[in-house]
């Protein structure tokens, strides 16, 4: 059994069939440890079998770990820097086998596009959070500025009063002598 597992993980998954408009035939439920059909997922009836998936989304094949790292990092940069950066990567590394996921005919391309979308959504949420935080901090900053203005005003009044008291003391000394 261990050797058969090693053989399964040693070879890359088969490429998906070409796209067609005809519906895909129903696949039999996978067996668990070779004992029989897998139990139905909770909350699902036996009549509606869930489609087989390899990743978190239907029809997306997750690449092996060595390629997945490259795909994830590339998707992160493409989400941030855009399509021109992707074109530059294709121009520089188009012949490299590690970057074949950049091409639509590759079976990891769907995973790559999905990762770009997820990264863009994450960047958008992060920008929205920072914008909300800035809006929330803006009144505080204005209050702080107003508070600083009050402190400066009070300090100026104190200095004026101290100057007045000094002048009065000086005046009293001059008038007494």
N, C-alpha and C. Protein backbone atom coordinates (compact mmCIF):
# COMPACT_ATOMS: atom_id res chain seq x y z
N UNK A 1 0.82 -1.20 0.00
CA UNK A 1 0.00 0.00 0.00
C UNK A 1 0.86 1.27 0.00
N UNK A 2 1.98 1.28 0.71
CA UNK A 2 2.83 2.45 0.76
C UNK A 2 3.45 2.72 -0.61
N UNK A 3 3.85 1.67 -1.30
CA UNK A 3 4.45 1.83 -2.62
C UNK A 3 3.43 2.40 -3.59
N UNK A 4 2.19 1.92 -3.51
CA UNK A 4 1.17 2.45 -4.43
C UNK A 4 0.90 3.92 -4.14
N UNK A 5 0.96 4.34 -2.86
CA UNK A 5 0.78 5.75 -2.53
C UNK A 5 1.93 6.57 -3.09
N UNK A 6 3.14 6.05 -2.98
CA UNK A 6 4.29 6.76 -3.53
C UNK A 6 4.18 6.90 -5.04
N UNK A 7 3.70 5.87 -5.69
CA UNK A 7 3.54 5.93 -7.14
C UNK A 7 2.47 6.95 -7.53
N UNK A 8 1.42 7.05 -6.74
CA UNK A 8 0.36 8.02 -7.03
C UNK A 8 0.91 9.43 -6.94
N UNK A 9 1.68 9.73 -5.89
CA UNK A 9 2.16 11.10 -5.69
C UNK A 9 3.39 11.43 -6.54
N UNK A 10 3.99 10.41 -7.11
CA UNK A 10 5.19 10.63 -7.90
C UNK A 10 4.86 11.22 -9.26
N UNK A 11 3.77 10.80 -9.86
CA UNK A 11 3.40 11.26 -11.19
C UNK A 11 2.45 12.44 -11.09
N UNK A 12 2.58 13.42 -12.00
CA UNK A 12 1.66 14.57 -11.96
C UNK A 12 0.25 14.13 -12.34
N UNK A 13 -0.76 14.85 -11.88
CA UNK A 13 -2.13 14.46 -12.22
C UNK A 13 -2.36 14.62 -13.72
N UNK A 14 -3.28 13.86 -14.26
CA UNK A 14 -3.53 13.95 -15.70
C UNK A 14 -4.13 15.31 -16.06
N UNK A 15 -3.85 15.73 -17.28
CA UNK A 15 -4.40 17.02 -17.71
C UNK A 15 -5.90 16.87 -17.93
N UNK A 16 -6.68 17.93 -17.70
CA UNK A 16 -8.13 17.84 -17.84
C UNK A 16 -8.51 17.67 -19.31
N UNK A 17 -9.66 17.07 -19.58
CA UNK A 17 -10.09 16.91 -20.97
C UNK A 17 -10.41 18.28 -21.56
N UNK A 18 -10.39 18.40 -22.89
CA UNK A 18 -10.73 19.68 -23.51
C UNK A 18 -12.15 20.07 -23.17
N UNK A 19 -12.41 21.37 -23.13
CA UNK A 19 -13.72 21.90 -22.76
C UNK A 19 -14.75 21.55 -23.81
N UNK A 20 -15.92 21.13 -23.35
CA UNK A 20 -17.03 20.89 -24.29
C UNK A 20 -18.31 21.33 -23.61
N UNK A 21 -19.32 21.59 -24.42
CA UNK A 21 -20.61 22.05 -23.88
C UNK A 21 -21.45 20.91 -23.35
N UNK A 22 -21.10 19.68 -23.67
CA UNK A 22 -21.89 18.55 -23.20
C UNK A 22 -21.62 18.32 -21.72
N UNK A 23 -22.65 17.92 -20.97
CA UNK A 23 -22.44 17.70 -19.53
C UNK A 23 -21.51 16.51 -19.29
N UNK A 24 -20.76 16.61 -18.19
CA UNK A 24 -19.83 15.54 -17.85
C UNK A 24 -20.61 14.36 -17.27
N UNK A 25 -20.18 13.13 -17.57
CA UNK A 25 -20.87 11.97 -16.98
C UNK A 25 -20.61 11.92 -15.48
N UNK A 26 -21.57 11.37 -14.76
CA UNK A 26 -21.46 11.23 -13.31
C UNK A 26 -20.36 10.22 -12.99
N UNK A 27 -19.47 10.57 -12.08
CA UNK A 27 -18.41 9.65 -11.66
C UNK A 27 -18.90 8.88 -10.43
N UNK A 28 -18.52 7.61 -10.32
CA UNK A 28 -18.92 6.87 -9.12
C UNK A 28 -18.24 7.45 -7.89
N UNK A 29 -18.88 7.29 -6.75
CA UNK A 29 -18.33 7.82 -5.51
C UNK A 29 -17.01 7.12 -5.20
N UNK A 30 -16.00 7.87 -4.75
CA UNK A 30 -14.70 7.24 -4.46
C UNK A 30 -14.79 6.31 -3.25
N UNK A 31 -13.98 5.28 -3.27
CA UNK A 31 -13.97 4.31 -2.18
C UNK A 31 -13.06 4.80 -1.07
N UNK A 32 -13.43 4.47 0.17
CA UNK A 32 -12.59 4.83 1.31
C UNK A 32 -11.80 3.60 1.71
N UNK A 33 -10.49 3.66 1.57
CA UNK A 33 -9.58 2.56 1.92
C UNK A 33 -9.95 1.27 1.17
N UNK A 34 -10.57 1.43 0.01
CA UNK A 34 -10.92 0.27 -0.79
C UNK A 34 -12.05 -0.56 -0.22
N UNK A 35 -12.79 -0.07 0.77
CA UNK A 35 -13.84 -0.85 1.42
C UNK A 35 -15.17 -0.71 0.71
N UNK A 36 -15.49 0.44 0.22
CA UNK A 36 -16.77 0.65 -0.44
C UNK A 36 -16.96 2.10 -0.75
N UNK A 37 -18.17 2.48 -1.16
CA UNK A 37 -18.39 3.89 -1.50
C UNK A 37 -18.27 4.77 -0.27
N UNK A 38 -17.84 5.99 -0.50
CA UNK A 38 -17.69 6.95 0.60
C UNK A 38 -19.05 7.35 1.13
N UNK A 39 -19.17 7.57 2.42
CA UNK A 39 -20.46 8.00 2.97
C UNK A 39 -20.81 9.38 2.45
N UNK A 40 -22.12 9.64 2.36
CA UNK A 40 -22.59 10.94 1.88
C UNK A 40 -22.24 12.01 2.89
N UNK A 41 -21.97 13.20 2.37
CA UNK A 41 -21.65 14.33 3.25
C UNK A 41 -22.87 14.68 4.07
N UNK A 42 -22.69 15.15 5.32
CA UNK A 42 -23.83 15.49 6.15
C UNK A 42 -24.63 16.61 5.51
N UNK A 43 -25.95 16.47 5.56
CA UNK A 43 -26.83 17.49 5.02
C UNK A 43 -27.10 17.31 3.54
N UNK A 44 -26.53 16.29 2.91
CA UNK A 44 -26.75 16.05 1.48
C UNK A 44 -27.46 14.72 1.33
N UNK A 45 -28.35 14.68 0.37
CA UNK A 45 -29.08 13.44 0.13
C UNK A 45 -28.24 12.54 -0.76
N UNK A 46 -28.54 11.25 -0.75
CA UNK A 46 -27.79 10.30 -1.57
C UNK A 46 -28.06 10.51 -3.05
N UNK A 47 -29.19 11.11 -3.41
CA UNK A 47 -29.55 11.31 -4.81
C UNK A 47 -28.66 12.34 -5.50
N UNK A 48 -28.24 13.38 -4.81
CA UNK A 48 -27.43 14.44 -5.42
C UNK A 48 -25.99 14.29 -4.93
N UNK A 49 -25.17 13.62 -5.72
CA UNK A 49 -23.78 13.41 -5.34
C UNK A 49 -23.00 14.70 -5.59
N UNK A 50 -22.11 15.02 -4.67
CA UNK A 50 -21.29 16.22 -4.80
C UNK A 50 -20.25 15.99 -5.90
N UNK A 51 -19.97 17.02 -6.70
CA UNK A 51 -18.96 16.85 -7.75
C UNK A 51 -17.58 16.64 -7.12
N UNK A 52 -16.75 15.88 -7.84
CA UNK A 52 -15.41 15.58 -7.33
C UNK A 52 -14.54 16.82 -7.47
N UNK A 53 -13.81 17.17 -6.42
CA UNK A 53 -12.93 18.33 -6.46
C UNK A 53 -11.55 17.94 -5.99
N UNK A 54 -10.57 18.67 -6.46
CA UNK A 54 -9.21 18.45 -6.02
C UNK A 54 -8.75 19.55 -5.09
N UNK A 55 -9.34 20.74 -5.21
CA UNK A 55 -8.97 21.88 -4.39
C UNK A 55 -10.18 22.33 -3.59
N UNK A 56 -10.20 23.60 -3.24
CA UNK A 56 -11.33 24.13 -2.48
C UNK A 56 -12.48 24.47 -3.40
N UNK A 57 -12.23 24.64 -4.70
CA UNK A 57 -13.27 24.96 -5.67
C UNK A 57 -13.38 23.82 -6.66
N UNK A 58 -14.55 23.68 -7.23
CA UNK A 58 -14.80 22.61 -8.19
C UNK A 58 -13.98 22.86 -9.45
N UNK A 59 -13.31 21.83 -9.93
CA UNK A 59 -12.57 21.91 -11.18
C UNK A 59 -11.19 22.52 -11.07
N UNK A 60 -10.73 22.81 -9.87
CA UNK A 60 -9.41 23.41 -9.70
C UNK A 60 -8.47 22.34 -9.15
N UNK A 61 -7.39 22.12 -9.88
CA UNK A 61 -6.39 21.12 -9.47
C UNK A 61 -5.27 21.86 -8.75
N UNK A 62 -5.04 21.49 -7.52
CA UNK A 62 -3.98 22.12 -6.72
C UNK A 62 -2.65 21.53 -7.15
N UNK A 63 -1.67 22.37 -7.49
CA UNK A 63 -0.37 21.85 -7.93
C UNK A 63 0.41 21.21 -6.78
N UNK A 64 1.42 20.42 -7.11
CA UNK A 64 2.26 19.83 -6.06
C UNK A 64 3.00 20.92 -5.30
N UNK A 65 3.46 20.65 -4.10
CA UNK A 65 4.06 21.68 -3.24
C UNK A 65 5.17 22.50 -3.88
N UNK A 66 6.05 21.86 -4.66
CA UNK A 66 7.15 22.62 -5.25
C UNK A 66 6.67 23.65 -6.27
N UNK A 67 5.63 23.33 -7.01
CA UNK A 67 5.08 24.27 -8.00
C UNK A 67 4.10 25.23 -7.31
N UNK A 68 3.39 24.74 -6.30
CA UNK A 68 2.40 25.55 -5.59
C UNK A 68 3.04 26.81 -5.00
N UNK A 69 4.23 26.68 -4.46
CA UNK A 69 4.94 27.82 -3.88
C UNK A 69 5.17 28.88 -4.96
N UNK A 70 5.58 28.46 -6.13
CA UNK A 70 5.84 29.39 -7.23
C UNK A 70 4.53 30.03 -7.70
N UNK A 71 3.49 29.22 -7.83
CA UNK A 71 2.19 29.73 -8.28
C UNK A 71 1.66 30.76 -7.28
N UNK A 72 1.70 30.44 -6.00
CA UNK A 72 1.17 31.35 -4.97
C UNK A 72 1.94 32.67 -4.96
N UNK A 73 3.25 32.59 -5.03
CA UNK A 73 4.07 33.81 -4.99
C UNK A 73 3.84 34.65 -6.26
N UNK A 74 3.75 34.00 -7.40
CA UNK A 74 3.51 34.72 -8.65
C UNK A 74 2.14 35.38 -8.61
N UNK A 75 1.13 34.65 -8.13
CA UNK A 75 -0.22 35.21 -8.04
C UNK A 75 -0.23 36.41 -7.11
N UNK A 76 0.53 36.36 -6.04
CA UNK A 76 0.61 37.48 -5.11
C UNK A 76 1.15 38.73 -5.82
N UNK A 77 2.22 38.55 -6.60
CA UNK A 77 2.79 39.69 -7.31
C UNK A 77 1.88 40.19 -8.42
N UNK A 78 1.23 39.28 -9.14
CA UNK A 78 0.35 39.68 -10.24
C UNK A 78 -0.85 40.43 -9.68
N UNK A 79 -1.38 40.00 -8.55
CA UNK A 79 -2.52 40.69 -7.94
C UNK A 79 -2.14 42.11 -7.57
N UNK A 80 -0.91 42.31 -7.13
CA UNK A 80 -0.46 43.62 -6.71
C UNK A 80 -0.01 44.49 -7.89
N UNK A 81 0.71 43.89 -8.84
CA UNK A 81 1.35 44.67 -9.90
C UNK A 81 0.62 44.64 -11.24
N UNK A 82 -0.31 43.69 -11.43
CA UNK A 82 -1.13 43.69 -12.63
C UNK A 82 -0.63 42.87 -13.80
N UNK A 83 -1.40 42.95 -14.87
CA UNK A 83 -1.16 42.17 -16.09
C UNK A 83 0.19 42.47 -16.75
N UNK A 84 0.66 43.73 -16.77
CA UNK A 84 1.97 43.96 -17.39
C UNK A 84 3.10 43.14 -16.76
N UNK A 85 3.03 42.97 -15.46
CA UNK A 85 4.05 42.16 -14.78
C UNK A 85 3.95 40.70 -15.20
N UNK A 86 2.71 40.21 -15.37
CA UNK A 86 2.51 38.84 -15.83
C UNK A 86 3.10 38.67 -17.23
N UNK A 87 2.88 39.65 -18.11
CA UNK A 87 3.44 39.58 -19.46
C UNK A 87 4.96 39.55 -19.42
N UNK A 88 5.54 40.29 -18.51
CA UNK A 88 7.00 40.30 -18.37
C UNK A 88 7.51 38.94 -17.89
N UNK A 89 6.79 38.32 -16.96
CA UNK A 89 7.20 36.99 -16.48
C UNK A 89 7.10 35.97 -17.61
N UNK A 90 6.03 36.06 -18.41
CA UNK A 90 5.88 35.14 -19.53
C UNK A 90 7.02 35.34 -20.53
N UNK A 91 7.37 36.60 -20.78
CA UNK A 91 8.45 36.88 -21.73
C UNK A 91 9.78 36.32 -21.23
N UNK A 92 10.04 36.44 -19.94
CA UNK A 92 11.32 35.98 -19.39
C UNK A 92 11.36 34.48 -19.12
N UNK A 93 10.24 33.93 -18.63
CA UNK A 93 10.24 32.53 -18.17
C UNK A 93 9.24 31.65 -18.89
N UNK A 94 8.80 32.05 -20.07
CA UNK A 94 7.78 31.29 -20.80
C UNK A 94 8.19 29.87 -21.13
N UNK A 95 9.47 29.64 -21.33
CA UNK A 95 9.96 28.30 -21.69
C UNK A 95 10.25 27.45 -20.45
N UNK A 96 10.28 28.05 -19.27
CA UNK A 96 10.58 27.34 -18.03
C UNK A 96 9.39 26.48 -17.64
N UNK A 97 9.62 25.21 -17.35
CA UNK A 97 8.53 24.29 -16.99
C UNK A 97 7.83 24.71 -15.70
N UNK A 98 8.55 25.39 -14.81
CA UNK A 98 7.94 25.80 -13.55
C UNK A 98 6.91 26.91 -13.74
N UNK A 99 6.94 27.60 -14.86
CA UNK A 99 6.01 28.70 -15.10
C UNK A 99 4.98 28.38 -16.18
N UNK A 100 4.76 27.11 -16.46
CA UNK A 100 3.78 26.73 -17.48
C UNK A 100 2.35 26.99 -17.01
N UNK A 101 2.14 27.17 -15.72
CA UNK A 101 0.80 27.47 -15.20
C UNK A 101 0.30 28.82 -15.69
N UNK A 102 1.17 29.65 -16.23
CA UNK A 102 0.77 30.96 -16.74
C UNK A 102 -0.05 30.84 -18.03
N UNK A 103 0.01 29.70 -18.67
CA UNK A 103 -0.69 29.51 -19.93
C UNK A 103 -2.02 28.80 -19.72
N UNK A 104 -3.08 29.26 -20.41
CA UNK A 104 -4.44 28.70 -20.19
C UNK A 104 -4.56 27.21 -20.43
N UNK A 105 -3.73 26.62 -21.27
CA UNK A 105 -3.86 25.19 -21.55
C UNK A 105 -3.28 24.32 -20.44
N UNK A 106 -2.57 24.90 -19.48
CA UNK A 106 -1.99 24.14 -18.38
C UNK A 106 -3.08 23.82 -17.36
N UNK A 107 -3.02 22.63 -16.76
CA UNK A 107 -4.07 22.22 -15.82
C UNK A 107 -3.97 22.91 -14.46
N UNK A 108 -2.90 23.67 -14.20
CA UNK A 108 -2.81 24.43 -12.96
C UNK A 108 -3.20 25.91 -13.16
N UNK A 109 -3.55 26.26 -14.38
CA UNK A 109 -3.88 27.66 -14.69
C UNK A 109 -5.14 28.12 -13.91
N UNK A 110 -6.12 27.24 -13.75
CA UNK A 110 -7.34 27.60 -13.00
C UNK A 110 -7.00 27.91 -11.55
N UNK A 111 -6.11 27.13 -10.97
CA UNK A 111 -5.66 27.40 -9.59
C UNK A 111 -4.96 28.74 -9.52
N UNK A 112 -4.12 29.02 -10.50
CA UNK A 112 -3.39 30.29 -10.57
C UNK A 112 -4.36 31.47 -10.64
N UNK A 113 -5.37 31.39 -11.52
CA UNK A 113 -6.35 32.48 -11.64
C UNK A 113 -7.15 32.64 -10.34
N UNK A 114 -7.49 31.51 -9.73
CA UNK A 114 -8.23 31.55 -8.46
C UNK A 114 -7.40 32.23 -7.38
N UNK A 115 -6.11 31.95 -7.34
CA UNK A 115 -5.24 32.58 -6.34
C UNK A 115 -5.12 34.09 -6.59
N UNK A 116 -5.06 34.50 -7.85
CA UNK A 116 -5.01 35.93 -8.16
C UNK A 116 -6.27 36.62 -7.65
N UNK A 117 -7.43 36.01 -7.91
CA UNK A 117 -8.69 36.60 -7.44
C UNK A 117 -8.73 36.70 -5.92
N UNK A 118 -8.29 35.65 -5.24
CA UNK A 118 -8.29 35.66 -3.78
C UNK A 118 -7.34 36.74 -3.25
N UNK A 119 -6.17 36.87 -3.87
CA UNK A 119 -5.21 37.90 -3.43
C UNK A 119 -5.77 39.30 -3.66
N UNK A 120 -6.43 39.52 -4.81
CA UNK A 120 -7.01 40.83 -5.10
C UNK A 120 -8.10 41.17 -4.08
N UNK A 121 -8.94 40.17 -3.76
CA UNK A 121 -9.98 40.39 -2.76
C UNK A 121 -9.36 40.73 -1.41
N UNK A 122 -8.29 40.01 -1.05
CA UNK A 122 -7.61 40.26 0.22
C UNK A 122 -7.02 41.68 0.25
N UNK A 123 -6.40 42.10 -0.86
CA UNK A 123 -5.84 43.46 -0.94
C UNK A 123 -6.95 44.51 -0.85
N UNK A 124 -8.09 44.22 -1.49
CA UNK A 124 -9.21 45.16 -1.46
C UNK A 124 -9.76 45.30 -0.03
N UNK A 125 -9.92 44.15 0.66
CA UNK A 125 -10.40 44.19 2.05
C UNK A 125 -9.42 44.94 2.94
N UNK A 126 -8.13 44.72 2.72
CA UNK A 126 -7.11 45.40 3.52
C UNK A 126 -7.17 46.90 3.30
N UNK A 127 -7.34 47.33 2.04
CA UNK A 127 -7.44 48.75 1.73
C UNK A 127 -8.70 49.36 2.36
N UNK A 128 -9.80 48.62 2.33
CA UNK A 128 -11.03 49.11 2.95
C UNK A 128 -10.87 49.24 4.46
N UNK A 129 -10.21 48.27 5.09
CA UNK A 129 -9.99 48.34 6.53
C UNK A 129 -9.13 49.55 6.89
N UNK A 130 -8.06 49.75 6.13
CA UNK A 130 -7.19 50.89 6.45
C UNK A 130 -7.90 52.21 6.19
N UNK A 131 -8.76 52.25 5.17
CA UNK A 131 -9.52 53.47 4.91
C UNK A 131 -10.50 53.74 6.06
N UNK A 132 -11.19 52.68 6.52
CA UNK A 132 -12.10 52.86 7.66
C UNK A 132 -11.34 53.29 8.90
N UNK A 133 -10.15 52.72 9.11
CA UNK A 133 -9.34 53.07 10.26
C UNK A 133 -8.91 54.54 10.18
N UNK A 134 -8.52 54.98 8.97
CA UNK A 134 -8.12 56.38 8.81
C UNK A 134 -9.30 57.31 9.07
N UNK A 135 -10.50 56.92 8.60
CA UNK A 135 -11.68 57.75 8.84
C UNK A 135 -12.00 57.81 10.33
N UNK A 136 -11.82 56.68 11.02
CA UNK A 136 -12.09 56.65 12.45
C UNK A 136 -11.05 57.47 13.22
N UNK A 137 -9.82 57.48 12.74
CA UNK A 137 -8.76 58.22 13.42
C UNK A 137 -8.80 59.71 13.11
N UNK A 138 -9.42 60.09 12.00
CA UNK A 138 -9.45 61.49 11.60
C UNK A 138 -10.14 62.37 12.64
N UNK A 139 -11.34 62.02 13.15
CA UNK A 139 -11.93 62.86 14.20
C UNK A 139 -11.05 62.91 15.46
N UNK A 140 -10.40 61.79 15.77
CA UNK A 140 -9.51 61.79 16.93
C UNK A 140 -8.37 62.77 16.71
N UNK A 141 -7.83 62.79 15.50
CA UNK A 141 -6.74 63.72 15.20
C UNK A 141 -7.23 65.16 15.29
N UNK A 142 -8.44 65.40 14.79
CA UNK A 142 -9.00 66.75 14.88
C UNK A 142 -9.23 67.13 16.33
N UNK A 143 -9.73 66.18 17.12
CA UNK A 143 -9.91 66.45 18.55
C UNK A 143 -8.57 66.71 19.21
N UNK A 144 -7.57 65.95 18.83
CA UNK A 144 -6.25 66.13 19.39
C UNK A 144 -5.72 67.51 19.03
N UNK A 145 -5.92 67.90 17.77
CA UNK A 145 -5.48 69.23 17.35
C UNK A 145 -6.22 70.30 18.12
N UNK A 146 -7.54 70.11 18.30
CA UNK A 146 -8.34 71.07 19.06
C UNK A 146 -7.86 71.09 20.51
N UNK A 147 -7.56 69.91 21.06
CA UNK A 147 -7.05 69.84 22.43
C UNK A 147 -5.70 70.51 22.56
N UNK A 148 -4.85 70.32 21.57
CA UNK A 148 -3.54 70.97 21.58
C UNK A 148 -3.71 72.49 21.48
N UNK A 149 -4.67 72.92 20.68
CA UNK A 149 -4.92 74.36 20.56
C UNK A 149 -5.38 74.92 21.91
N UNK A 150 -6.24 74.17 22.62
CA UNK A 150 -6.69 74.62 23.93
C UNK A 150 -5.52 74.68 24.91
N UNK A 151 -4.65 73.68 24.87
CA UNK A 151 -3.49 73.67 25.76
C UNK A 151 -2.59 74.86 25.46
N UNK A 152 -2.35 75.10 24.17
CA UNK A 152 -1.52 76.24 23.79
C UNK A 152 -2.16 77.57 24.21
N UNK A 153 -3.48 77.64 24.06
CA UNK A 153 -4.21 78.84 24.45
C UNK A 153 -4.08 79.06 25.97
N UNK A 154 -4.26 77.98 26.74
CA UNK A 154 -4.13 78.08 28.19
C UNK A 154 -2.71 78.45 28.59
N UNK A 155 -1.74 77.86 27.91
CA UNK A 155 -0.35 78.17 28.21
C UNK A 155 -0.06 79.64 27.93
N UNK A 156 -0.59 80.13 26.81
CA UNK A 156 -0.40 81.54 26.46
C UNK A 156 -1.06 82.44 27.51
N UNK A 157 -2.26 82.07 27.97
CA UNK A 157 -2.94 82.86 29.01
C UNK A 157 -2.12 82.85 30.30
N UNK A 158 -1.58 81.67 30.66
CA UNK A 158 -0.76 81.56 31.87
C UNK A 158 0.47 82.44 31.76
N UNK A 159 1.11 82.44 30.60
CA UNK A 159 2.29 83.27 30.40
C UNK A 159 1.93 84.75 30.47
N UNK A 160 0.80 85.12 29.89
CA UNK A 160 0.35 86.52 29.94
C UNK A 160 0.07 86.93 31.38
N UNK A 161 -0.58 86.04 32.14
CA UNK A 161 -0.89 86.33 33.54
C UNK A 161 0.39 86.42 34.37
N UNK A 162 1.35 85.54 34.10
CA UNK A 162 2.64 85.60 34.81
C UNK A 162 3.35 86.91 34.49
N UNK A 163 3.30 87.32 33.24
CA UNK A 163 3.92 88.59 32.84
C UNK A 163 3.22 89.76 33.53
N UNK A 164 1.90 89.71 33.59
CA UNK A 164 1.14 90.75 34.28
C UNK A 164 1.51 90.81 35.75
N UNK A 165 1.60 89.61 36.39
CA UNK A 165 1.98 89.56 37.82
C UNK A 165 3.39 90.11 38.03
N UNK A 166 4.31 89.79 37.14
CA UNK A 166 5.66 90.32 37.23
C UNK A 166 5.66 91.85 37.13
N UNK A 167 4.87 92.34 36.19
CA UNK A 167 4.78 93.80 36.01
C UNK A 167 4.17 94.46 37.25
N UNK A 168 3.15 93.82 37.82
CA UNK A 168 2.54 94.37 39.03
C UNK A 168 3.53 94.39 40.17
N UNK A 169 4.30 93.31 40.34
CA UNK A 169 5.31 93.25 41.41
C UNK A 169 6.36 94.34 41.18
N UNK A 170 6.77 94.49 39.93
CA UNK A 170 7.75 95.52 39.61
C UNK A 170 7.17 96.91 39.88
N UNK A 171 5.94 97.11 39.54
CA UNK A 171 5.26 98.38 39.77
C UNK A 171 5.17 98.68 41.26
N UNK A 172 4.81 97.64 42.05
CA UNK A 172 4.69 97.82 43.49
C UNK A 172 6.05 98.18 44.08
N UNK A 173 7.12 97.54 43.63
CA UNK A 173 8.45 97.83 44.14
C UNK A 173 8.84 99.28 43.82
N UNK A 174 8.49 99.68 42.60
CA UNK A 174 8.84 101.04 42.19
C UNK A 174 8.03 102.10 42.97
N UNK A 175 6.76 101.78 43.20
CA UNK A 175 5.91 102.74 43.90
C UNK A 175 6.21 102.79 45.38
N UNK A 176 6.65 101.72 45.97
CA UNK A 176 6.94 101.67 47.41
C UNK A 176 8.25 102.38 47.68
N UNK A 177 9.22 102.28 46.84
CA UNK A 177 10.51 102.88 47.12
C UNK A 177 10.51 104.30 46.79
